[in-house]
Amino acid sequence: MTASLNIFMVRALENMTIENKGNDIISSANLIASDSAHYMNNKDYLSLISEEYGAKYRSRVLIFDENSILLADSFNDQNLLNRQLEYQEVVSALRGNSDFNIYNLEDNQWAIYGATPILKGDKIQGAVLISASANDIYNVIYAIRVQILWVSLFGILIVGAISFWLASRITDPIINISSAANRVKEGELGLTVSINNNDELGALADSFNNMSNSLEAYDLERTKFFHNASHELKTPLSSAILLTDSLINDFEKNKEIRKDFLADIRDQLDRLDMLLKDISLLARYDDNKRLTKEVINISDLLENVVTTIKPICKHKNLNLITNIINNQEIVGNKKELTEALINIAENAAKYNYNNGTIELYNQDRDGFVELFIVDTGIGIPKEDIDYVFDRFYRVEKARSRDQGGTGLGLSIAKEIIEAHGGNIQASSEVGKGTTIKVSIPVNS
């Protein structure tokens, strides 16, 4: 396309230059024709006119009569004088037209011929032909062509260099990201690429790095989860196996001892069943399970929680205080929200002192319903407060197992609350108690 444009420009310049040169020659020929019109019968005077103007314009001037017979020649060529010469331009001029043409002569020499009629009144008396060198035109055109060629070559080099630079800026990051993606695919999680472009490729690199880091974090969390799950599953299973082996090896023990052993085995199996159910529930949330939602009355939700934990409170002689605002509603899954709040409330009861207090209340705040479960229990140390919602995390491992939990209750509660677009927070002071605040948007 660039080459075509250059050719077009050169040809346009060439045509314009020839047109200007031809018009100048026609203007000069008109001036000579005007001076010659009254002397067409005086060859000597016509010779003087042709020589004078030939010298002035540095051109060859020829004057013809109406029959194309050469009357005067500034070069005074005797072989041509008084002969009929049929120049194309002269033929056109004798028909009343001014005309010019350019010719390529021998040895690549260029000449331009221009002719105009000699008029006396309305009658054509003859014609004036001027022949001038056009070498200057083509010398200029040639110089321009050479310059354009060099400019074009330079432009091609510049465009090529810029294209290569731009291509490398595009392809190199893509190659780096592609290579990194293959390495991540092979298991090199957490691998990042360093691309400092402030464009779409930079944004793509940032997205890739975030994805890789997320995959690494997820993989670490999964590994940790499987390790903890296998450990938690192994404990009741090992206990049940030991108890079963004891029964098999000493079956003659009295009936009461066997009943105690079987009861312990049943407890361990119940714990194992509860643990498997909790793990299954967490797995559903890891798979982004879609919730079936309905309009829920908060007072009904909290009443269900109160009803569930009353037996535990009665067993430990806990004072259960409720301050429930009626007519609050949210959109959510009632069954799962109830389970989340029961998990929190059961923890408040299990880790409370005998004769302690549990308080449940709710309030509105900026489009959220806030639910509070406050206990006067043993509390959570400051160094543990940030981890209480982690899976299988226990503040005091042995004491927690004695309470019969799986270490997943608060994790499950957190997953359920966050699935509803809410959040859960804990604050605590050792020896004084713990407050759990649950915030759920009204239109979750």
Protein backbone atom coordinates (compact mmCIF):
# COMPACT_ATOMS: atom_id res chain seq x y z
CA MET A 1 0.00 0.00 0.00
CA THR A 2 2.87 2.36 0.85
CA ALA A 3 4.57 1.61 -2.51
CA SER A 4 1.34 2.33 -4.40
CA LEU A 5 0.93 5.60 -2.54
CA ASN A 6 4.51 6.61 -3.38
CA ILE A 7 3.99 5.82 -7.09
CA PHE A 8 0.76 7.81 -7.08
CA MET A 9 2.46 10.80 -5.45
CA VAL A 10 5.39 10.75 -7.92
CA ARG A 11 3.08 10.51 -10.93
CA ALA A 12 0.86 13.28 -9.61
CA LEU A 13 3.92 15.49 -9.10
CA GLU A 14 5.22 14.59 -12.58
CA ASN A 15 1.89 15.42 -14.26
CA MET A 16 1.59 18.68 -12.35
CA THR A 17 5.13 19.75 -13.30
CA ILE A 18 4.61 18.87 -16.98
CA GLU A 19 1.28 20.71 -16.97
CA ASN A 20 2.92 23.84 -15.58
CA LYS A 21 5.80 23.62 -18.05
CA GLY A 22 3.40 23.10 -20.96
CA ASN A 23 1.24 26.05 -19.93
CA ASP A 24 4.34 28.26 -19.71
CA ILE A 25 5.34 27.21 -23.25
CA ILE A 26 1.83 27.90 -24.59
CA SER A 27 1.89 31.35 -22.95
CA SER A 28 5.26 32.09 -24.58
CA ALA A 29 3.98 30.78 -27.94
CA ASN A 30 0.92 33.05 -27.69
CA LEU A 31 3.20 36.04 -27.18
CA ILE A 32 5.30 35.10 -30.25
CA ALA A 33 2.13 34.47 -32.28
CA SER A 34 0.85 37.93 -31.39
CA ASP A 35 4.11 39.55 -32.59
CA SER A 36 4.19 37.45 -35.79
CA ALA A 37 0.58 37.90 -36.93
CA HIS A 38 1.24 41.07 -38.98
CA TYR A 39 4.48 39.84 -40.57
CA MET A 40 3.54 36.48 -42.03
CA ASN A 41 4.70 37.64 -45.50
CA ASN A 42 8.09 38.85 -44.20
CA LYS A 43 10.28 35.80 -43.63
CA ASP A 44 13.30 37.86 -42.62
CA TYR A 45 11.39 39.56 -39.84
CA LEU A 46 9.91 36.25 -38.75
CA SER A 47 13.47 34.86 -38.55
CA LEU A 48 14.46 37.76 -36.29
CA ILE A 49 11.43 37.14 -34.08
CA SER A 50 12.18 33.40 -33.80
CA GLU A 51 15.85 34.00 -32.99
CA GLU A 52 15.08 36.71 -30.43
CA TYR A 53 12.49 34.64 -28.57
CA GLY A 54 14.52 31.46 -28.94
CA ALA A 55 17.42 33.12 -27.15
CA LYS A 56 15.09 34.64 -24.56
CA TYR A 57 13.39 31.34 -23.68
CA ARG A 58 16.43 29.15 -24.36
CA SER A 59 14.24 27.10 -26.64
CA ARG A 60 13.80 26.40 -30.32
CA VAL A 61 11.12 28.55 -31.93
CA LEU A 62 9.53 27.57 -35.26
CA ILE A 63 6.95 29.62 -37.18
CA PHE A 64 4.67 27.91 -39.74
CA ASP A 65 2.18 29.21 -42.29
CA GLU A 66 -1.39 27.91 -42.61
CA ASN A 67 -0.14 24.95 -44.71
CA SER A 68 2.40 23.71 -42.11
CA ILE A 69 5.31 25.10 -44.16
CA LEU A 70 8.19 26.20 -41.95
CA LEU A 71 8.81 29.94 -42.47
CA ALA A 72 11.29 30.64 -39.63
CA ASP A 73 13.53 28.61 -37.32
CA SER A 74 15.56 30.01 -34.43
CA PHE A 75 18.16 27.33 -35.22
CA ASN A 76 18.09 28.43 -38.92
CA ASP A 77 18.13 24.82 -40.17
CA GLN A 78 18.18 25.24 -43.97
CA ASN A 79 17.22 21.61 -44.49
CA LEU A 80 13.86 22.24 -42.86
CA LEU A 81 13.01 25.79 -43.97
CA ASN A 82 10.30 26.12 -46.61
CA ARG A 83 9.29 22.51 -46.11
CA GLN A 84 5.96 21.19 -44.97
CA LEU A 85 6.44 19.57 -41.56
CA GLU A 86 3.64 17.74 -39.82
CA TYR A 87 4.17 18.15 -36.10
CA GLN A 88 1.22 16.85 -34.12
CA GLU A 89 1.05 20.05 -32.11
CA VAL A 90 1.17 22.23 -35.26
CA VAL A 91 -1.66 20.25 -36.88
CA SER A 92 -3.73 20.83 -33.73
CA ALA A 93 -2.83 24.55 -33.64
CA LEU A 94 -3.88 25.05 -37.29
CA ARG A 95 -7.26 23.72 -36.24
CA GLY A 96 -7.48 26.47 -33.64
CA ASN A 97 -6.23 24.57 -30.57
CA SER A 98 -3.25 25.14 -28.32
CA ASP A 99 -1.54 21.85 -27.52
CA PHE A 100 1.64 20.47 -25.96
CA ASN A 101 3.24 17.04 -25.57
CA ILE A 102 6.36 15.61 -24.00
CA TYR A 103 8.74 13.24 -25.78
CA ASN A 104 11.52 10.88 -24.76
CA LEU A 105 14.27 11.41 -27.35
CA GLU A 106 17.51 9.54 -27.90
CA ASP A 107 19.89 8.90 -24.96
CA ASN A 108 17.03 9.35 -22.51
CA GLN A 109 16.72 13.03 -23.33
CA TRP A 110 13.34 14.67 -22.79
CA ALA A 111 11.71 17.49 -24.75
CA ILE A 112 8.37 19.26 -24.58
CA TYR A 113 6.66 20.63 -27.71
CA GLY A 114 3.96 23.26 -27.49
CA ALA A 115 2.12 25.02 -30.33
CA THR A 116 -0.53 27.72 -30.63
CA PRO A 117 -2.29 29.26 -33.69
CA ILE A 118 -1.30 32.64 -35.19
CA LEU A 119 -4.51 34.61 -35.54
CA LYS A 120 -5.29 37.76 -37.47
CA GLY A 121 -8.77 38.59 -36.46
CA ASP A 122 -10.60 35.30 -36.60
CA LYS A 123 -8.46 33.88 -39.39
CA ILE A 124 -5.69 31.37 -38.68
CA GLN A 125 -2.51 32.61 -40.39
CA GLY A 126 -0.20 29.87 -39.18
CA ALA A 127 1.26 28.42 -35.98
CA VAL A 128 4.12 28.90 -33.52
CA LEU A 129 5.89 25.80 -32.16
CA ILE A 130 8.27 25.95 -29.21
CA SER A 131 10.53 23.00 -28.46
CA ALA A 132 12.17 23.07 -25.01
CA SER A 133 14.21 20.63 -22.97
CA ALA A 134 12.27 18.76 -20.29
CA ASN A 135 15.35 17.19 -18.73
CA ASP A 136 15.08 19.51 -15.72
CA ILE A 137 11.60 18.13 -15.02
CA TYR A 138 12.78 14.53 -14.99
CA ASN A 139 15.95 15.35 -13.09
CA VAL A 140 13.77 16.77 -10.32
CA ILE A 141 11.37 13.82 -10.57
CA TYR A 142 14.28 11.38 -10.38
CA ALA A 143 15.71 13.14 -7.32
CA ILE A 144 12.30 13.07 -5.67
CA ARG A 145 11.90 9.38 -6.50
CA VAL A 146 15.26 8.62 -4.91
CA GLN A 147 14.33 10.60 -1.81
CA ILE A 148 10.95 8.89 -1.57
CA LEU A 149 12.66 5.52 -1.99
CA TRP A 150 15.03 6.25 0.87
CA VAL A 151 12.22 7.62 3.01
CA SER A 152 10.14 4.53 2.21
CA LEU A 153 12.99 2.19 3.08
CA PHE A 154 13.61 4.10 6.29
CA GLY A 155 9.88 4.04 7.03
CA ILE A 156 9.75 0.29 6.41
CA LEU A 157 12.67 -0.22 8.79
CA ILE A 158 11.05 2.00 11.44
CA VAL A 159 7.65 0.31 11.02
CA GLY A 160 9.33 -3.10 11.12
CA ALA A 161 11.22 -2.22 14.29
CA ILE A 162 8.10 -0.80 15.95
CA SER A 163 6.05 -3.81 14.83
CA PHE A 164 8.66 -6.18 16.23
CA TRP A 165 8.75 -4.23 19.49
CA LEU A 166 4.96 -4.16 19.75
CA ALA A 167 4.71 -7.83 18.82
CA SER A 168 7.27 -8.75 21.47
CA ARG A 169 5.37 -6.68 24.06
CA ILE A 170 2.24 -8.65 23.19
CA THR A 171 3.60 -12.11 22.47
CA ASP A 172 6.26 -12.31 25.21
CA PRO A 173 3.77 -11.77 28.06
CA ILE A 174 1.32 -14.20 26.45
CA ILE A 175 4.10 -16.81 26.12
CA ASN A 176 5.09 -16.22 29.77
CA ILE A 177 1.50 -16.56 30.97
CA SER A 178 0.95 -19.66 28.81
CA SER A 179 4.14 -21.27 30.13
CA ALA A 180 3.19 -20.41 33.71
CA ALA A 181 -0.31 -21.83 33.16
CA ASN A 182 1.19 -25.14 32.01
CA ARG A 183 3.43 -25.23 35.09
CA VAL A 184 0.45 -24.54 37.35
CA LYS A 185 -1.40 -27.32 35.52
CA GLU A 186 1.48 -29.64 36.41
CA GLY A 187 1.04 -28.76 40.09
CA GLU A 188 3.31 -25.74 40.61
CA LEU A 189 0.60 -23.83 42.46
CA GLY A 190 1.31 -20.29 43.63
CA LEU A 191 3.53 -19.58 40.61
CA THR A 192 3.23 -15.95 39.48
CA VAL A 193 4.33 -14.00 36.41
CA SER A 194 5.91 -10.55 36.45
CA ILE A 195 4.39 -8.35 33.73
CA ASN A 196 4.43 -4.62 34.36
CA ASN A 197 2.18 -3.59 31.46
CA ASN A 198 -0.55 -1.10 32.34
CA ASP A 199 -2.94 -2.62 29.83
CA GLU A 200 -5.12 -5.68 29.24
CA LEU A 201 -2.07 -7.98 29.39
CA GLY A 202 -1.11 -6.53 32.77
CA ALA A 203 -4.67 -7.08 33.98
CA LEU A 204 -4.55 -10.65 32.60
CA ALA A 205 -1.28 -11.27 34.46
CA ASP A 206 -2.79 -9.93 37.70
CA SER A 207 -5.81 -12.20 37.24
CA PHE A 208 -3.52 -15.17 36.59
CA ASN A 209 -1.44 -14.41 39.69
CA ASN A 210 -4.58 -14.08 41.82
CA MET A 211 -5.88 -17.36 40.42
CA SER A 212 -2.56 -19.14 41.05
CA ASN A 213 -2.35 -17.82 44.61
CA SER A 214 -5.98 -18.77 45.23
CA LEU A 215 -5.33 -22.29 43.94
CA GLU A 216 -2.30 -22.58 46.22
CA ALA A 217 -4.30 -21.33 49.21
CA TYR A 218 -7.16 -23.68 48.34
CA ASP A 219 -4.75 -26.60 47.96
CA LEU A 220 -3.12 -25.84 51.31
CA GLU A 221 -6.53 -25.54 52.94
CA ARG A 222 -7.65 -28.79 51.34
CA THR A 223 -4.50 -30.60 52.47
CA LYS A 224 -4.94 -29.23 55.97
CA PHE A 225 -8.60 -30.22 55.93
CA PHE A 226 -7.88 -33.80 54.83
CA HIS A 227 -5.13 -34.11 57.42
CA ASN A 228 -7.41 -32.86 60.20
CA ALA A 229 -10.37 -34.89 58.93
CA SER A 230 -8.35 -38.09 58.83
CA HIS A 231 -7.09 -37.40 62.34
CA GLU A 232 -10.57 -36.64 63.68
CA LEU A 233 -12.06 -39.68 61.95
CA LYS A 234 -9.28 -41.90 63.22
CA THR A 235 -9.85 -41.02 66.89
CA PRO A 236 -13.40 -42.43 67.32
CA LEU A 237 -12.65 -45.25 64.91
CA SER A 238 -9.53 -46.29 66.86
CA SER A 239 -11.46 -46.11 70.13
CA ALA A 240 -14.25 -48.27 68.72
CA ILE A 241 -11.71 -50.81 67.42
CA LEU A 242 -9.92 -51.00 70.78
CA LEU A 243 -13.18 -51.46 72.65
CA THR A 244 -14.31 -54.11 70.16
CA ASP A 245 -10.99 -55.96 70.47
CA SER A 246 -11.34 -55.90 74.25
CA LEU A 247 -14.79 -57.45 74.01
CA ILE A 248 -13.58 -60.13 71.59
CA ASN A 249 -10.53 -61.01 73.67
CA ASP A 250 -12.39 -61.09 76.98
CA PHE A 251 -15.98 -61.85 76.13
CA GLU A 252 -16.49 -63.57 79.49
CA LYS A 253 -16.60 -60.23 81.28
CA ASN A 254 -19.77 -59.65 83.21
CA LYS A 255 -22.82 -58.30 81.52
CA GLU A 256 -22.56 -54.78 82.97
CA ILE A 257 -19.00 -54.30 81.72
CA ARG A 258 -19.99 -55.52 78.26
CA LYS A 259 -22.89 -53.07 78.24
CA ASP A 260 -20.53 -50.23 79.17
CA PHE A 261 -18.13 -51.24 76.39
CA LEU A 262 -20.95 -51.42 73.84
CA ALA A 263 -22.29 -48.05 74.99
CA ASP A 264 -18.83 -46.53 74.55
CA ILE A 265 -18.59 -48.08 71.08
CA ARG A 266 -21.98 -46.61 70.22
CA ASP A 267 -20.84 -43.18 71.44
CA GLN A 268 -17.75 -43.35 69.25
CA LEU A 269 -19.81 -44.45 66.24
CA ASP A 270 -22.31 -41.63 66.89
CA ARG A 271 -19.43 -39.19 67.01
CA LEU A 272 -18.06 -40.65 63.77
CA ASP A 273 -21.48 -40.33 62.14
CA MET A 274 -21.82 -36.71 63.30
CA LEU A 275 -18.34 -35.93 61.99
CA LEU A 276 -19.10 -37.43 58.58
CA LYS A 277 -22.34 -35.45 58.35
CA ASP A 278 -20.52 -32.21 59.16
CA ILE A 279 -17.81 -32.95 56.59
CA SER A 280 -20.48 -33.72 53.98
CA LEU A 281 -22.23 -30.42 54.76
CA LEU A 282 -19.00 -28.45 54.36
CA ALA A 283 -18.32 -30.22 51.06
CA ARG A 284 -21.69 -29.03 49.77
CA TYR A 285 -20.75 -25.43 50.51
CA ASP A 286 -17.34 -25.90 48.89
CA ASP A 287 -19.24 -26.90 45.74
CA ASN A 288 -21.13 -23.56 45.89
CA LYS A 289 -24.43 -25.25 46.64
CA ARG A 290 -27.34 -23.04 45.57
CA LEU A 291 -29.65 -22.25 48.45
CA THR A 292 -33.42 -22.58 48.30
CA LYS A 293 -34.67 -19.36 49.88
CA GLU A 294 -37.89 -18.15 51.45
CA VAL A 295 -39.10 -15.28 53.61
CA ILE A 296 -38.10 -15.99 57.23
CA ASN A 297 -39.47 -14.38 60.37
CA ILE A 298 -36.52 -13.74 62.69
CA SER A 299 -38.53 -14.29 65.87
CA ASP A 300 -39.59 -17.76 64.61
CA LEU A 301 -35.97 -18.54 63.74
CA LEU A 302 -34.68 -17.58 67.20
CA GLU A 303 -37.54 -19.39 68.97
CA ASN A 304 -36.44 -22.61 67.21
CA VAL A 305 -32.91 -22.04 68.48
CA VAL A 306 -34.13 -21.40 72.03
CA THR A 307 -36.26 -24.56 71.99
CA THR A 308 -33.28 -26.65 70.84
CA ILE A 309 -30.79 -25.48 73.48
CA LYS A 310 -33.20 -25.41 76.45
CA PRO A 311 -32.32 -29.00 77.51
CA ILE A 312 -28.60 -28.15 77.63
CA CYS A 313 -29.31 -24.95 79.55
CA LYS A 314 -31.49 -26.87 82.02
CA HIS A 315 -28.78 -29.49 82.50
CA LYS A 316 -26.20 -26.82 83.41
CA ASN A 317 -28.72 -24.57 85.17
CA LEU A 318 -28.06 -21.74 82.68
CA ASN A 319 -30.14 -18.58 82.69
CA LEU A 320 -31.44 -18.16 79.10
CA ILE A 321 -32.43 -14.54 78.36
CA THR A 322 -34.10 -13.54 75.09
CA ASN A 323 -34.86 -10.06 73.82
CA ILE A 324 -36.35 -10.70 70.39
CA ILE A 325 -37.73 -7.94 68.14
CA ASN A 326 -40.82 -9.15 66.32
CA ASN A 327 -41.74 -8.50 62.67
CA GLN A 328 -38.15 -8.67 61.38
CA GLU A 329 -37.87 -10.65 58.14
CA ILE A 330 -35.07 -11.81 55.88
CA VAL A 331 -34.86 -13.94 52.74
CA GLY A 332 -32.90 -17.16 53.21
CA ASN A 333 -32.87 -20.89 53.85
CA LYS A 334 -34.62 -21.38 57.20
CA LYS A 335 -33.32 -24.89 57.86
CA GLU A 336 -29.67 -24.02 57.32
CA LEU A 337 -29.80 -20.68 59.16
CA THR A 338 -31.42 -22.49 62.09
CA GLU A 339 -28.58 -25.04 62.04
CA ALA A 340 -25.96 -22.27 61.98
CA LEU A 341 -27.48 -20.44 64.96
CA ILE A 342 -27.96 -23.70 66.90
CA ASN A 343 -24.27 -24.53 66.40
CA ILE A 344 -23.34 -21.13 67.86
CA ALA A 345 -25.85 -21.36 70.73
CA GLU A 346 -24.78 -24.93 71.62
CA ASN A 347 -21.17 -23.75 71.82
CA ALA A 348 -22.29 -20.93 74.12
CA ALA A 349 -23.97 -23.52 76.38
CA LYS A 350 -21.22 -26.19 76.25
CA TYR A 351 -18.42 -23.80 77.17
CA ASN A 352 -20.39 -21.89 79.79
CA TYR A 353 -20.02 -22.25 83.53
CA ASN A 354 -22.77 -23.95 85.50
CA ASN A 355 -25.34 -21.35 86.62
CA GLY A 356 -24.08 -19.01 83.88
CA THR A 357 -26.11 -16.91 81.43
CA ILE A 358 -26.84 -16.98 77.69
CA GLU A 359 -28.52 -14.00 76.04
CA LEU A 360 -30.06 -13.92 72.55
CA TYR A 361 -31.23 -10.67 70.97
CA ASN A 362 -31.58 -9.03 67.57
CA GLN A 363 -31.58 -5.53 66.05
CA ASP A 364 -31.78 -3.66 62.72
CA ARG A 365 -28.79 -1.83 61.23
CA ASP A 366 -28.42 -0.35 57.71
CA GLY A 367 -30.31 -3.04 55.79
CA PHE A 368 -28.94 -5.87 57.94
CA VAL A 369 -30.47 -7.94 60.70
CA GLU A 370 -27.93 -8.39 63.50
CA LEU A 371 -28.24 -11.40 65.81
CA PHE A 372 -26.24 -11.61 69.05
CA ILE A 373 -25.51 -14.70 71.14
CA VAL A 374 -23.74 -13.72 74.37
CA ASP A 375 -22.50 -16.11 77.06
CA THR A 376 -20.73 -15.79 80.41
CA GLY A 377 -18.55 -18.83 79.78
CA ILE A 378 -14.85 -19.62 79.87
CA GLY A 379 -14.02 -17.27 76.98
CA ILE A 380 -11.46 -17.55 74.20
CA PRO A 381 -7.82 -16.46 74.51
CA LYS A 382 -6.82 -13.47 72.40
CA GLU A 383 -4.33 -15.54 70.37
CA ASP A 384 -7.10 -17.98 69.36
CA ILE A 385 -9.93 -15.57 68.54
CA ASP A 386 -8.95 -15.20 64.84
CA TYR A 387 -9.04 -18.97 64.29
CA VAL A 388 -12.26 -20.07 65.99
CA PHE A 389 -14.10 -20.29 62.64
CA ASP A 390 -11.37 -22.42 61.02
CA ARG A 391 -12.22 -26.04 60.33
CA PHE A 392 -11.30 -28.48 63.13
CA TYR A 393 -9.82 -25.66 65.20
CA ARG A 394 -10.16 -26.17 68.94
CA VAL A 395 -9.00 -23.75 71.60
CA GLU A 396 -8.31 -26.58 74.06
CA LYS A 397 -8.12 -29.85 72.18
CA ALA A 398 -8.77 -32.36 74.96
CA ARG A 399 -11.41 -30.27 76.70
CA SER A 400 -13.22 -29.66 73.40
CA ARG A 401 -13.43 -33.37 72.64
CA ASP A 402 -14.82 -33.98 76.11
CA GLN A 403 -17.70 -31.66 75.16
CA GLY A 404 -18.55 -33.97 72.26
CA GLY A 405 -18.02 -31.54 69.39
CA THR A 406 -16.47 -32.21 65.98
CA GLY A 407 -14.57 -28.93 65.71
CA LEU A 408 -16.67 -28.01 62.67
CA GLY A 409 -19.71 -26.32 64.22
CA LEU A 410 -18.52 -22.72 63.95
CA SER A 411 -16.98 -23.41 60.51
CA ILE A 412 -20.34 -24.67 59.26
CA ALA A 413 -22.08 -21.64 60.79
CA LYS A 414 -19.64 -19.32 59.02
CA GLU A 415 -20.18 -21.06 55.64
CA ILE A 416 -23.97 -20.81 55.99
CA ILE A 417 -23.93 -17.15 57.04
CA GLU A 418 -21.57 -16.16 54.22
CA ALA A 419 -23.68 -18.13 51.71
CA HIS A 420 -26.48 -15.71 52.67
CA GLY A 421 -24.25 -12.69 51.99
CA GLY A 422 -23.68 -12.09 55.70
CA ASN A 423 -20.74 -12.21 58.08
CA ILE A 424 -19.96 -13.54 61.55
CA GLN A 425 -17.66 -12.06 64.20
CA ALA A 426 -16.44 -13.16 67.61
CA SER A 427 -15.24 -11.13 70.58
CA SER A 428 -14.24 -12.65 73.89
CA GLU A 429 -12.49 -12.26 77.22
CA VAL A 430 -11.07 -15.24 79.07
CA GLY A 431 -13.07 -16.06 82.18
CA LYS A 432 -15.87 -13.61 81.34
CA GLY A 433 -17.51 -14.94 78.20
CA THR A 434 -17.91 -14.64 74.44
CA THR A 435 -20.13 -12.64 72.08
CA ILE A 436 -20.93 -13.89 68.58
CA LYS A 437 -22.48 -11.35 66.21
CA VAL A 438 -24.19 -12.54 63.02
CA SER A 439 -25.14 -9.97 60.34
CA ILE A 440 -27.47 -11.02 57.51
CA PRO A 441 -28.75 -8.67 54.77
CA VAL A 442 -32.51 -8.29 54.71
CA ASN A 443 -32.63 -9.23 51.01
CA SER A 444 -29.95 -11.91 50.79
